[in-house]
PDB file of N, CA and C in Angstrom:
ATOM      1  N   MET A   1       1.098  -0.948  -0.051  1.00  0.00           N
ATOM      2  CA  MET A   1       0.031   0.006   0.043  1.00  0.00           C
ATOM      3  C   MET A   1       0.740   1.333   0.024  1.00  0.00           C
ATOM      4  N   THR A   2       0.705   2.153  -0.658  1.00  0.00           N
ATOM      5  CA  THR A   2       1.186   3.074  -0.746  1.00  0.00           C
ATOM      6  C   THR A   2       0.632   4.506  -0.050  1.00  0.00           C
ATOM      7  N   TYR A   3       1.896   5.404   0.624  1.00  0.00           N
ATOM      8  CA  TYR A   3       1.530   6.689   1.343  1.00  0.00           C
ATOM      9  C   TYR A   3       0.601   7.203   0.661  1.00  0.00           C
ATOM     10  N   VAL A   4      -0.349   7.595   1.317  1.00  0.00           N
ATOM     11  CA  VAL A   4      -1.218   8.840   0.862  1.00  0.00           C
ATOM     12  C   VAL A   4      -1.452   9.735   2.030  1.00  0.00           C
ATOM     13  N   PRO A   5      -0.719  10.735   1.604  1.00  0.00           N
ATOM     14  CA  PRO A   5      -0.476  12.102   2.836  1.00  0.00           C
ATOM     15  C   PRO A   5      -1.646  12.784   2.924  1.00  0.00           C
ATOM     16  N   TYR A   6      -2.191  12.760   4.151  1.00  0.00           N
ATOM     17  CA  TYR A   6      -3.140  13.638   5.367  1.00  0.00           C
ATOM     18  C   TYR A   6      -4.453  13.049   4.900  1.00  0.00           C
ATOM     19  N   LEU A   7      -4.374  11.666   4.643  1.00  0.00           N
ATOM     20  CA  LEU A   7      -6.099  10.836   4.340  1.00  0.00           C
ATOM     21  C   LEU A   7      -6.634  10.411   5.715  1.00  0.00           C
ATOM     22  N   TYR A   8      -5.747  10.828   6.607  1.00  0.00           N
ATOM     23  CA  TYR A   8      -6.695  10.783   7.957  1.00  0.00           C
ATOM     24  C   TYR A   8      -7.135  12.147   8.408  1.00  0.00           C
ATOM     25  N   VAL A   9      -7.664  13.162   7.761  1.00  0.00           N
ATOM     26  CA  VAL A   9      -7.985  14.372   7.542  1.00  0.00           C
ATOM     27  C   VAL A   9      -9.286  14.343   6.285  1.00  0.00           C
ATOM     28  N   ASN A  10      -9.048  13.663   5.893  1.00  0.00           N
ATOM     29  CA  ASN A  10     -10.050  13.148   5.201  1.00  0.00           C
ATOM     30  C   ASN A  10     -10.872  11.864   5.242  1.00  0.00           C
ATOM     31  N   LEU A  11     -10.526  11.297   5.914  1.00  0.00           N
ATOM     32  CA  LEU A  11     -11.218  10.274   7.139  1.00  0.00           C
ATOM     33  C   LEU A  11     -11.835  11.088   8.259  1.00  0.00           C
ATOM     34  N   THR A  12     -11.401  11.446   9.045  1.00  0.00           N
ATOM     35  CA  THR A  12     -12.447  12.342   9.560  1.00  0.00           C
ATOM     36  C   THR A  12     -13.088  13.229   9.633  1.00  0.00           C
ATOM     37  N   ALA A  13     -13.114  13.542   8.714  1.00  0.00           N
ATOM     38  CA  ALA A  13     -13.883  14.324   8.247  1.00  0.00           C
ATOM     39  C   ALA A  13     -15.297  13.512   7.551  1.00  0.00           C
ATOM     40  N   LEU A  14     -14.948  12.395   6.912  1.00  0.00           N
ATOM     41  CA  LEU A  14     -15.991  11.332   6.440  1.00  0.00           C
ATOM     42  C   LEU A  14     -16.892  10.824   7.728  1.00  0.00           C
ATOM     43  N   CYS A  15     -16.068  10.149   8.293  1.00  0.00           N
ATOM     44  CA  CYS A  15     -16.862   9.944   9.947  1.00  0.00           C
ATOM     45  C   CYS A  15     -17.526  10.814  10.926  1.00  0.00           C
ATOM     46  N   SER A  16     -17.150  12.185  10.492  1.00  0.00           N
ATOM     47  CA  SER A  16     -17.750  13.203  11.805  1.00  0.00           C
ATOM     48  C   SER A  16     -19.086  13.148  10.919  1.00  0.00           C
ATOM     49  N   PHE A  17     -19.211  13.715   9.556  1.00  0.00           N
ATOM     50  CA  PHE A  17     -20.041  13.661   8.412  1.00  0.00           C
ATOM     51  C   PHE A  17     -21.141  12.322   8.369  1.00  0.00           C
ATOM     52  N   ALA A  18     -20.648  10.878   8.826  1.00  0.00           N
ATOM     53  CA  ALA A  18     -21.559   9.749   9.130  1.00  0.00           C
ATOM     54  C   ALA A  18     -22.341   9.925  10.281  1.00  0.00           C
ATOM     55  N   LEU A  19     -20.999  10.187  11.038  1.00  0.00           N
ATOM     56  CA  LEU A  19     -22.016  10.460  12.456  1.00  0.00           C
ATOM     57  C   LEU A  19     -23.273  11.258  12.651  1.00  0.00           C
ATOM     58  N   LEU A  20     -23.176  12.202  12.216  1.00  0.00           N
ATOM     59  CA  LEU A  20     -24.320  13.471  11.854  1.00  0.00           C
ATOM     60  C   LEU A  20     -25.363  13.337  11.444  1.00  0.00           C
ATOM     61  N   LEU A  21     -25.292  12.730   9.762  1.00  0.00           N
ATOM     62  CA  LEU A  21     -25.928  12.027   9.446  1.00  0.00           C
ATOM     63  C   LEU A  21     -26.466  11.229  10.292  1.00  0.00           C
ATOM     64  N   LEU A  22     -26.050  10.371  11.275  1.00  0.00           N
ATOM     65  CA  LEU A  22     -26.979   8.721  11.813  1.00  0.00           C
ATOM     66  C   LEU A  22     -27.552   9.532  12.598  1.00  0.00           C
ATOM     67  N   ALA A  23     -26.766  10.801  13.502  1.00  0.00           N
ATOM     68  CA  ALA A  23     -27.964  11.122  14.409  1.00  0.00           C
ATOM     69  C   ALA A  23     -28.842  11.916  13.594  1.00  0.00           C
ATOM     70  N   PHE A  24     -29.045  12.793  12.216  1.00  0.00           N
ATOM     71  CA  PHE A  24     -30.315  13.394  12.299  1.00  0.00           C
ATOM     72  C   PHE A  24     -30.968  12.038  11.743  1.00  0.00           C
ATOM     73  N   LEU A  25     -30.814  10.827  11.229  1.00  0.00           N
ATOM     74  CA  LEU A  25     -31.802   9.952  10.785  1.00  0.00           C
ATOM     75  C   LEU A  25     -32.209   9.643  11.716  1.00  0.00           C
ATOM     76  N   ALA A  26     -31.928   9.455  12.778  1.00  0.00           N
ATOM     77  CA  ALA A  26     -32.675   9.338  14.154  1.00  0.00           C
ATOM     78  C   ALA A  26     -34.014  10.189  14.656  1.00  0.00           C
ATOM     79  N   SER A  27     -33.754  11.563  14.480  1.00  0.00           N
ATOM     80  CA  SER A  27     -34.069  12.805  14.770  1.00  0.00           C
ATOM     81  C   SER A  27     -35.653  12.800  14.043  1.00  0.00           C
ATOM     82  N   LYS A  28     -36.811  13.226  14.377  1.00  0.00           N
ATOM     83  CA  LYS A  28     -37.855  13.639  14.192  1.00  0.00           C
ATOM     84  C   LYS A  28     -37.689  14.329  12.762  1.00  0.00           C
ATOM     85  N   LYS A  29     -38.434  14.047  11.790  1.00  0.00           N
ATOM     86  CA  LYS A  29     -38.296  14.787  10.213  1.00  0.00           C
ATOM     87  C   LYS A  29     -38.828  15.555   9.960  1.00  0.00           C
ATOM     88  N   THR A  30     -38.424  16.828   9.950  1.00  0.00           N
ATOM     89  CA  THR A  30     -39.066  17.873   9.637  1.00  0.00           C
ATOM     90  C   THR A  30     -38.150  18.730   8.292  1.00  0.00           C
ATOM     91  N   SER A  31     -38.888  19.747   7.379  1.00  0.00           N
ATOM     92  CA  SER A  31     -38.479  19.914   6.295  1.00  0.00           C
ATOM     93  C   SER A  31     -36.733  20.993   6.491  1.00  0.00           C
ATOM     94  N   GLU A  32     -36.763  20.938   7.927  1.00  0.00           N
ATOM     95  CA  GLU A  32     -35.371  21.576   8.302  1.00  0.00           C
ATOM     96  C   GLU A  32     -34.720  20.140   8.115  1.00  0.00           C
ATOM     97  N   VAL A  33     -34.992  19.231   8.878  1.00  0.00           N
ATOM     98  CA  VAL A  33     -34.061  18.205   9.282  1.00  0.00           C
ATOM     99  C   VAL A  33     -33.466  17.467   7.775  1.00  0.00           C
ATOM    100  N   ARG A  34     -34.577  17.226   7.306  1.00  0.00           N
ATOM    101  CA  ARG A  34     -34.485  16.555   5.354  1.00  0.00           C
ATOM    102  C   ARG A  34     -33.860  17.439   4.984  1.00  0.00           C
ATOM    103  N   ALA A  35     -33.512  18.638   4.814  1.00  0.00           N
ATOM    104  CA  ALA A  35     -32.920  19.718   3.928  1.00  0.00           C
ATOM    105  C   ALA A  35     -31.376  19.505   4.314  1.00  0.00           C
ATOM    106  N   PHE A  36     -30.888  19.306   5.627  1.00  0.00           N
ATOM    107  CA  PHE A  36     -29.597  19.485   6.786  1.00  0.00           C
ATOM    108  C   PHE A  36     -29.773  17.991   6.074  1.00  0.00           C
ATOM    109  N   ILE A  37     -29.991  16.588   6.169  1.00  0.00           N
ATOM    110  CA  ILE A  37     -29.725  15.534   5.793  1.00  0.00           C
ATOM    111  C   ILE A  37     -29.158  15.533   4.519  1.00  0.00           C
ATOM    112  N   VAL A  38     -30.224  15.767   3.167  1.00  0.00           N
ATOM    113  CA  VAL A  38     -29.454  16.063   1.793  1.00  0.00           C
ATOM    114  C   VAL A  38     -28.061  16.426   2.116  1.00  0.00           C
ATOM    115  N   MET A  39     -27.929  17.549   2.564  1.00  0.00           N
ATOM    116  CA  MET A  39     -26.866  18.642   2.755  1.00  0.00           C
ATOM    117  C   MET A  39     -25.544  17.266   2.591  1.00  0.00           C
ATOM    118  N   LEU A  40     -26.234  17.103   4.432  1.00  0.00           N
ATOM    119  CA  LEU A  40     -25.003  15.863   4.771  1.00  0.00           C
ATOM    120  C   LEU A  40     -24.676  14.791   3.604  1.00  0.00           C
ATOM    121  N   LEU A  41     -25.639  14.277   3.209  1.00  0.00           N
ATOM    122  CA  LEU A  41     -25.297  13.237   2.029  1.00  0.00           C
ATOM    123  C   LEU A  41     -24.377  13.920   0.549  1.00  0.00           C
ATOM    124  N   ALA A  42     -24.895  14.874   0.768  1.00  0.00           N
ATOM    125  CA  ALA A  42     -23.544  15.325  -0.623  1.00  0.00           C
ATOM    126  C   ALA A  42     -22.302  15.938   0.113  1.00  0.00           C
ATOM    127  N   CYS A  43     -22.175  16.130   1.005  1.00  0.00           N
ATOM    128  CA  CYS A  43     -20.726  16.263   1.909  1.00  0.00           C
ATOM    129  C   CYS A  43     -20.046  15.157   2.260  1.00  0.00           C
ATOM    130  N   ILE A  44     -20.838  13.734   2.337  1.00  0.00           N
ATOM    131  CA  ILE A  44     -20.430  12.641   2.399  1.00  0.00           C
ATOM    132  C   ILE A  44     -19.774  12.109   1.028  1.00  0.00           C
ATOM    133  N   LEU A  45     -20.577  12.563  -0.174  1.00  0.00           N
ATOM    134  CA  LEU A  45     -19.895  12.186  -1.330  1.00  0.00           C
ATOM    135  C   LEU A  45     -19.056  12.908  -1.688  1.00  0.00           C
ATOM    136  N   TRP A  46     -18.617  13.927  -0.870  1.00  0.00           N
ATOM    137  CA  TRP A  46     -17.525  14.997  -1.928  1.00  0.00           C
ATOM    138  C   TRP A  46     -16.492  14.407  -1.348  1.00  0.00           C
ATOM    139  N   VAL A  47     -16.542  14.233   0.063  1.00  0.00           N
ATOM    140  CA  VAL A  47     -15.547  13.562   1.134  1.00  0.00           C
ATOM    141  C   VAL A  47     -15.360  12.360   0.385  1.00  0.00           C
ATOM    142  N   GLY A  48     -16.268  11.385   0.473  1.00  0.00           N
ATOM    143  CA  GLY A  48     -16.234  10.240  -0.315  1.00  0.00           C
ATOM    144  C   GLY A  48     -15.109   9.654  -1.316  1.00  0.00           C
ATOM    145  N   GLY A  49     -15.972  11.187  -2.166  1.00  0.00           N
ATOM    146  CA  GLY A  49     -15.266  10.775  -3.473  1.00  0.00           C
ATOM    147  C   GLY A  49     -13.860  11.460  -3.791  1.00  0.00           C
ATOM    148  N   SER A  50     -13.095  12.078  -2.854  1.00  0.00           N
ATOM    149  CA  SER A  50     -11.981  12.710  -2.587  1.00  0.00           C
ATOM    150  C   SER A  50     -11.359  11.481  -1.835  1.00  0.00           C
ATOM    151  N   ILE A  51     -11.728  10.460  -0.930  1.00  0.00           N
ATOM    152  CA  ILE A  51     -10.804   9.417  -0.381  1.00  0.00           C
ATOM    153  C   ILE A  51     -10.529   8.421  -1.398  1.00  0.00           C
ATOM    154  N   LEU A  52     -11.560   8.446  -2.307  1.00  0.00           N
ATOM    155  CA  LEU A  52     -11.263   7.397  -2.793  1.00  0.00           C
ATOM    156  C   LEU A  52     -10.372   7.559  -4.388  1.00  0.00           C
ATOM    157  N   MET A  53     -10.732   9.072  -4.653  1.00  0.00           N
ATOM    158  CA  MET A  53      -9.518   9.301  -6.065  1.00  0.00           C
ATOM    159  C   MET A  53      -8.196   8.881  -5.004  1.00  0.00           C
ATOM    160  N   ARG A  54      -7.689   9.688  -3.784  1.00  0.00           N
ATOM    161  CA  ARG A  54      -6.196   9.720  -3.581  1.00  0.00           C
ATOM    162  C   ARG A  54      -5.988   7.868  -3.327  1.00  0.00           C
ATOM    163  N   LEU A  55      -6.614   7.094  -3.355  1.00  0.00           N
ATOM    164  CA  LEU A  55      -6.700   6.204  -2.745  1.00  0.00           C
ATOM    165  C   LEU A  55      -6.680   5.157  -4.276  1.00  0.00           C
ATOM    166  N   GLN A  56      -7.335   6.004  -5.833  1.00  0.00           N
ATOM    167  CA  GLN A  56      -7.159   5.660  -6.956  1.00  0.00           C
ATOM    168  C   GLN A  56      -7.725   4.275  -7.125  1.00  0.00           C
ATOM    169  N   VAL A  57      -8.782   4.042  -6.337  1.00  0.00           N
ATOM    170  CA  VAL A  57     -10.119   3.113  -6.518  1.00  0.00           C
ATOM    171  C   VAL A  57     -10.618   3.178  -7.945  1.00  0.00           C
ATOM    172  N   VAL A  58     -10.640   1.382  -8.678  1.00  0.00           N
ATOM    173  CA  VAL A  58     -11.025   1.743  -9.631  1.00  0.00           C
ATOM    174  C   VAL A  58     -13.165   2.150  -9.721  1.00  0.00           C
ATOM    175  N   PRO A  59     -13.057   2.700 -11.058  1.00  0.00           N
ATOM    176  CA  PRO A  59     -12.812   3.437 -12.322  1.00  0.00           C
ATOM    177  C   PRO A  59     -11.617   4.321 -12.434  1.00  0.00           C
ATOM    178  N   GLY A  60     -11.202   4.652 -11.546  1.00  0.00           N
ATOM    179  CA  GLY A  60     -10.562   5.859 -11.721  1.00  0.00           C
ATOM    180  C   GLY A  60     -10.300   7.315 -10.931  1.00  0.00           C
ATOM    181  N   ILE A  61      -8.934   7.736 -11.256  1.00  0.00           N
ATOM    182  CA  ILE A  61      -9.023   9.174 -10.614  1.00  0.00           C
ATOM    183  C   ILE A  61     -10.270  10.105 -11.540  1.00  0.00           C
ATOM    184  N   HIS A  62     -10.473  10.179 -12.803  1.00  0.00           N
ATOM    185  CA  HIS A  62     -11.241  10.940 -13.137  1.00  0.00           C
ATOM    186  C   HIS A  62     -12.052  11.051 -12.643  1.00  0.00           C
ATOM    187  N   PHE A  63     -12.942   9.445 -12.122  1.00  0.00           N
ATOM    188  CA  PHE A  63     -14.558   9.444 -11.903  1.00  0.00           C
ATOM    189  C   PHE A  63     -14.931  10.170 -10.902  1.00  0.00           C
ATOM    190  N   TRP A  64     -13.536   9.655 -10.152  1.00  0.00           N
ATOM    191  CA  TRP A  64     -13.877   9.766  -8.500  1.00  0.00           C
ATOM    192  C   TRP A  64     -13.824  11.777  -8.630  1.00  0.00           C
ATOM    193  N   PHE A  65     -12.826  12.349  -9.473  1.00  0.00           N
ATOM    194  CA  PHE A  65     -12.961  13.777  -9.128  1.00  0.00           C
ATOM    195  C   PHE A  65     -13.942  14.322  -9.494  1.00  0.00           C
ATOM    196  N   HIS A  66     -14.729  13.754 -10.820  1.00  0.00           N
ATOM    197  CA  HIS A  66     -15.747  14.484 -10.848  1.00  0.00           C
ATOM    198  C   HIS A  66     -17.399  14.164  -9.985  1.00  0.00           C
ATOM    199  N   VAL A  67     -17.249  12.850  -9.615  1.00  0.00           N
ATOM    200  CA  VAL A  67     -18.080  12.886  -8.734  1.00  0.00           C
ATOM    201  C   VAL A  67     -18.154  13.894  -7.162  1.00  0.00           C
ATOM    202  N   SER A  68     -16.593  14.175  -7.201  1.00  0.00           N
ATOM    203  CA  SER A  68     -16.367  14.905  -5.367  1.00  0.00           C
ATOM    204  C   SER A  68     -16.823  16.345  -5.912  1.00  0.00           C
ATOM    205  N   ILE A  69     -16.959  16.694  -7.498  1.00  0.00           N
ATOM    206  CA  ILE A  69     -16.654  18.019  -8.089  1.00  0.00           C
ATOM    207  C   ILE A  69     -17.978  18.294  -8.065  1.00  0.00           C
ATOM    208  N   VAL A  70     -18.897  17.526  -8.746  1.00  0.00           N
ATOM    209  CA  VAL A  70     -20.551  17.855  -8.666  1.00  0.00           C
ATOM    210  C   VAL A  70     -20.897  17.678  -7.225  1.00  0.00           C
ATOM    211  N   ALA A  71     -20.979  17.052  -6.591  1.00  0.00           N
ATOM    212  CA  ALA A  71     -21.272  17.065  -4.978  1.00  0.00           C
ATOM    213  C   ALA A  71     -20.683  18.352  -4.258  1.00  0.00           C
ATOM    214  N   LEU A  72     -19.423  19.047  -5.035  1.00  0.00           N
ATOM    215  CA  LEU A  72     -18.515  20.074  -4.380  1.00  0.00           C
ATOM    216  C   LEU A  72     -19.767  21.357  -4.850  1.00  0.00           C
ATOM    217  N   PHE A  73     -20.249  21.283  -6.142  1.00  0.00           N
ATOM    218  CA  PHE A  73     -21.055  21.976  -6.438  1.00  0.00           C
ATOM    219  C   PHE A  73     -22.326  22.374  -6.347  1.00  0.00           C
ATOM    220  N   THR A  74     -22.819  21.319  -5.384  1.00  0.00           N
ATOM    221  CA  THR A  74     -24.320  20.928  -5.047  1.00  0.00           C
ATOM    222  C   THR A  74     -24.586  21.388  -3.961  1.00  0.00           C
ATOM    223  N   ILE A  75     -23.197  21.301  -3.074  1.00  0.00           N
ATOM    224  CA  ILE A  75     -23.346  21.630  -1.425  1.00  0.00           C
ATOM    225  C   ILE A  75     -24.117  23.809  -1.252  1.00  0.00           C
ATOM    226  N   PRO A  76     -23.832  24.190  -1.806  1.00  0.00           N
ATOM    227  CA  PRO A  76     -24.125  25.571  -2.185  1.00  0.00           C
ATOM    228  C   PRO A  76     -25.554  25.524  -2.340  1.00  0.00           C
ATOM    229  N   ALA A  77     -26.183  25.028  -2.852  1.00  0.00           N
ATOM    230  CA  ALA A  77     -27.311  25.218  -3.386  1.00  0.00           C
ATOM    231  C   ALA A  77     -28.184  24.183  -2.046  1.00  0.00           C
ATOM    232  N   LEU A  78     -27.460  23.296  -1.672  1.00  0.00           N
ATOM    233  CA  LEU A  78     -28.453  22.464  -0.680  1.00  0.00           C
ATOM    234  C   LEU A  78     -28.111  23.503   0.980  1.00  0.00           C
ATOM    235  N   ALA A  79     -27.264  23.939   0.847  1.00  0.00           N
ATOM    236  CA  ALA A  79     -27.098  25.241   1.744  1.00  0.00           C
ATOM    237  C   ALA A  79     -27.996  25.965   1.851  1.00  0.00           C
ATOM    238  N   TYR A  80     -28.152  26.894   0.507  1.00  0.00           N
ATOM    239  CA  TYR A  80     -29.285  27.610   0.323  1.00  0.00           C
ATOM    240  C   TYR A  80     -30.451  27.450   0.675  1.00  0.00           C
ATOM    241  N   GLU A  81     -30.552  25.722  -0.108  1.00  0.00           N
ATOM    242  CA  GLU A  81     -32.213  25.513   0.548  1.00  0.00           C
ATOM    243  C   GLU A  81     -32.634  24.963   1.733  1.00  0.00           C
ATOM    244  N   PHE A  82     -31.515  24.748   2.768  1.00  0.00           N
ATOM    245  CA  PHE A  82     -31.594  24.444   4.419  1.00  0.00           C
ATOM    246  C   PHE A  82     -31.764  25.728   4.963  1.00  0.00           C
ATOM    247  N   ILE A  83     -30.696  27.049   4.698  1.00  0.00           N
ATOM    248  CA  ILE A  83     -31.147  28.044   5.435  1.00  0.00           C
ATOM    249  C   ILE A  83     -32.690  28.418   5.035  1.00  0.00           C
ATOM    250  N   CYS A  84     -33.040  28.354   3.821  1.00  0.00           N
ATOM    251  CA  CYS A  84     -34.068  29.018   3.255  1.00  0.00           C
ATOM    252  C   CYS A  84     -35.486  28.087   3.941  1.00  0.00           C
ATOM    253  N   ASN A  85     -35.242  26.743   4.715  1.00  0.00           N
ATOM    254  CA  ASN A  85     -36.274  25.647   5.397  1.00  0.00           C
ATOM    255  C   ASN A  85     -36.487  26.301   6.798  1.00  0.00           C
ATOM    256  N   PHE A  86     -34.950  27.035   7.108  1.00  0.00           N
ATOM    257  CA  PHE A  86     -35.113  26.935   8.306  1.00  0.00           C
ATOM    258  C   PHE A  86     -35.391  28.357   9.184  1.00  0.00           C
ATOM    259  N   ALA A  87     -34.861  29.678   7.976  1.00  0.00           N
ATOM    260  CA  ALA A  87     -35.515  30.555   8.216  1.00  0.00           C
ATOM    261  C   ALA A  87     -37.365  30.638   7.705  1.00  0.00           C
ATOM    262  N   LYS A  88     -37.840  29.607   7.116  1.00  0.00           N
ATOM    263  CA  LYS A  88     -39.024  29.932   6.661  1.00  0.00           C
ATOM    264  C   LYS A  88     -39.235  31.117   5.517  1.00  0.00           C
ATOM    265  N   LEU A  89     -38.932  30.836   4.823  1.00  0.00           N
ATOM    266  CA  LEU A  89     -38.535  32.170   3.733  1.00  0.00           C
ATOM    267  C   LEU A  89     -39.090  31.542   2.504  1.00  0.00           C
ATOM    268  N   LYS A  90     -39.613  32.571   1.840  1.00  0.00           N
ATOM    269  CA  LYS A  90     -40.483  32.322   0.881  1.00  0.00           C
ATOM    270  C   LYS A  90     -39.491  32.510  -0.297  1.00  0.00           C
ATOM    271  N   LYS A  91     -39.219  31.390  -1.383  1.00  0.00           N
ATOM    272  CA  LYS A  91     -38.275  31.136  -2.272  1.00  0.00           C
ATOM    273  C   LYS A  91     -38.574  30.690  -3.708  1.00  0.00           C
ATOM    274  N   PRO A  92     -39.178  31.798  -4.618  1.00  0.00           N
ATOM    275  CA  PRO A  92     -40.478  31.097  -5.765  1.00  0.00           C
ATOM    276  C   PRO A  92     -39.339  31.086  -6.645  1.00  0.00           C
ATOM    277  N   TYR A  93     -38.097  32.110  -7.471  1.00  0.00           N
ATOM    278  CA  TYR A  93     -37.292  31.909  -8.578  1.00  0.00           C
ATOM    279  C   TYR A  93     -35.904  31.737  -8.010  1.00  0.00           C
ATOM    280  N   SER A  94     -35.927  32.012  -6.943  1.00  0.00           N
ATOM    281  CA  SER A  94     -34.501  31.743  -6.153  1.00  0.00           C
ATOM    282  C   SER A  94     -33.706  30.711  -6.296  1.00  0.00           C
ATOM    283  N   ARG A  95     -34.275  29.270  -5.987  1.00  0.00           N
ATOM    284  CA  ARG A  95     -33.710  27.965  -6.530  1.00  0.00           C
ATOM    285  C   ARG A  95     -33.682  27.885  -7.796  1.00  0.00           C
ATOM    286  N   ALA A  96     -34.521  28.457  -8.799  1.00  0.00           N
ATOM    287  CA  ALA A  96     -34.343  28.243 -10.137  1.00  0.00           C
ATOM    288  C   ALA A  96     -33.115  28.841 -10.349  1.00  0.00           C
ATOM    289  N   VAL A  97     -32.611  29.550 -10.101  1.00  0.00           N
ATOM    290  CA  VAL A  97     -31.821  30.689 -10.499  1.00  0.00           C
ATOM    291  C   VAL A  97     -30.276  30.537 -10.402  1.00  0.00           C
ATOM    292  N   ILE A  98     -30.373  29.499  -8.616  1.00  0.00           N
ATOM    293  CA  ILE A  98     -29.370  28.826  -7.973  1.00  0.00           C
ATOM    294  C   ILE A  98     -29.129  27.171  -9.017  1.00  0.00           C
ATOM    295  N   THR A  99     -30.139  26.803  -9.181  1.00  0.00           N
ATOM    296  CA  THR A  99     -30.028  26.146 -10.116  1.00  0.00           C
ATOM    297  C   THR A  99     -28.985  26.234 -11.358  1.00  0.00           C
ATOM    298  N   VAL A 100     -29.484  26.961 -11.974  1.00  0.00           N
ATOM    299  CA  VAL A 100     -29.157  27.633 -13.495  1.00  0.00           C
ATOM    300  C   VAL A 100     -27.576  27.452 -13.043  1.00  0.00           C
ATOM    301  N   GLY A 101     -27.047  28.331 -12.041  1.00  0.00           N
ATOM    302  CA  GLY A 101     -26.123  28.854 -11.799  1.00  0.00           C
ATOM    303  C   GLY A 101     -25.115  28.118 -11.671  1.00  0.00           C
ATOM    304  N   THR A 102     -25.536  26.914 -10.883  1.00  0.00           N
ATOM    305  CA  THR A 102     -24.806  25.452 -10.515  1.00  0.00           C
ATOM    306  C   THR A 102     -24.024  24.958 -11.855  1.00  0.00           C
ATOM    307  N   VAL A 103     -25.656  24.892 -12.977  1.00  0.00           N
ATOM    308  CA  VAL A 103     -25.206  23.718 -13.580  1.00  0.00           C
ATOM    309  C   VAL A 103     -24.469  24.752 -14.854  1.00  0.00           C
ATOM    310  N   THR A 104     -24.930  26.116 -15.150  1.00  0.00           N
ATOM    311  CA  THR A 104     -23.885  26.763 -16.067  1.00  0.00           C
ATOM    312  C   THR A 104     -22.453  26.412 -15.642  1.00  0.00           C
ATOM    313  N   ASP A 105     -21.892  27.029 -14.429  1.00  0.00           N
ATOM    314  CA  ASP A 105     -20.544  26.809 -13.783  1.00  0.00           C
ATOM    315  C   ASP A 105     -20.147  25.685 -13.908  1.00  0.00           C
ATOM    316  N   ARG A 106     -21.167  24.204 -13.904  1.00  0.00           N
ATOM    317  CA  ARG A 106     -20.338  23.321 -14.204  1.00  0.00           C
ATOM    318  C   ARG A 106     -20.052  23.201 -15.736  1.00  0.00           C
ATOM    319  N   SER A 107     -20.614  23.480 -16.763  1.00  0.00           N
ATOM    320  CA  SER A 107     -20.619  23.499 -17.978  1.00  0.00           C
ATOM    321  C   SER A 107     -19.912  23.801 -18.563  1.00  0.00           C
ATOM    322  N   PHE A 108     -19.209  25.041 -18.428  1.00  0.00           N
ATOM    323  CA  PHE A 108     -17.817  25.901 -18.698  1.00  0.00           C
ATOM    324  C   PHE A 108     -16.980  25.023 -18.313  1.00  0.00           C
ATOM    325  N   ASP A 109     -16.452  23.926 -17.255  1.00  0.00           N
ATOM    326  CA  ASP A 109     -14.959  23.585 -17.242  1.00  0.00           C
ATOM    327  C   ASP A 109     -14.626  22.827 -18.264  1.00  0.00           C
ATOM    328  N   ASN A 110     -15.255  22.253 -19.424  1.00  0.00           N
ATOM    329  CA  ASN A 110     -14.534  21.599 -20.675  1.00  0.00           C
ATOM    330  C   ASN A 110     -13.789  22.893 -21.725  1.00  0.00           C
ATOM    331  N   ILE A 111     -13.781  24.241 -21.103  1.00  0.00           N
ATOM    332  CA  ILE A 111     -14.078  24.949 -22.158  1.00  0.00           C
ATOM    333  C   ILE A 111     -12.476  25.768 -22.335  1.00  0.00           C
TER     334      ILE A 111
END
């Protein structure tokens, strides 16, 4: 096994997100809790993709890189959704604008 520097940082983050997820899965489900659970799942996907990329697990570095990047780009939109649910804000067009901004930002990566 090759040495992967600072892998313990990613593993600690993954364990922390997983522990938070388990705690919130066991709690009463409100709209705020559901939004937070979805955001935690995106964080777990981000860190998990990063760990698997560092370990060079099949199907390869490029696949796990893209998994990690897509999760990273969805976290701000999910955080916005959580904050709007938590503050009980009405958001008729904001969600569409953030979704289009996220997709647009990701589509210009190949240029």
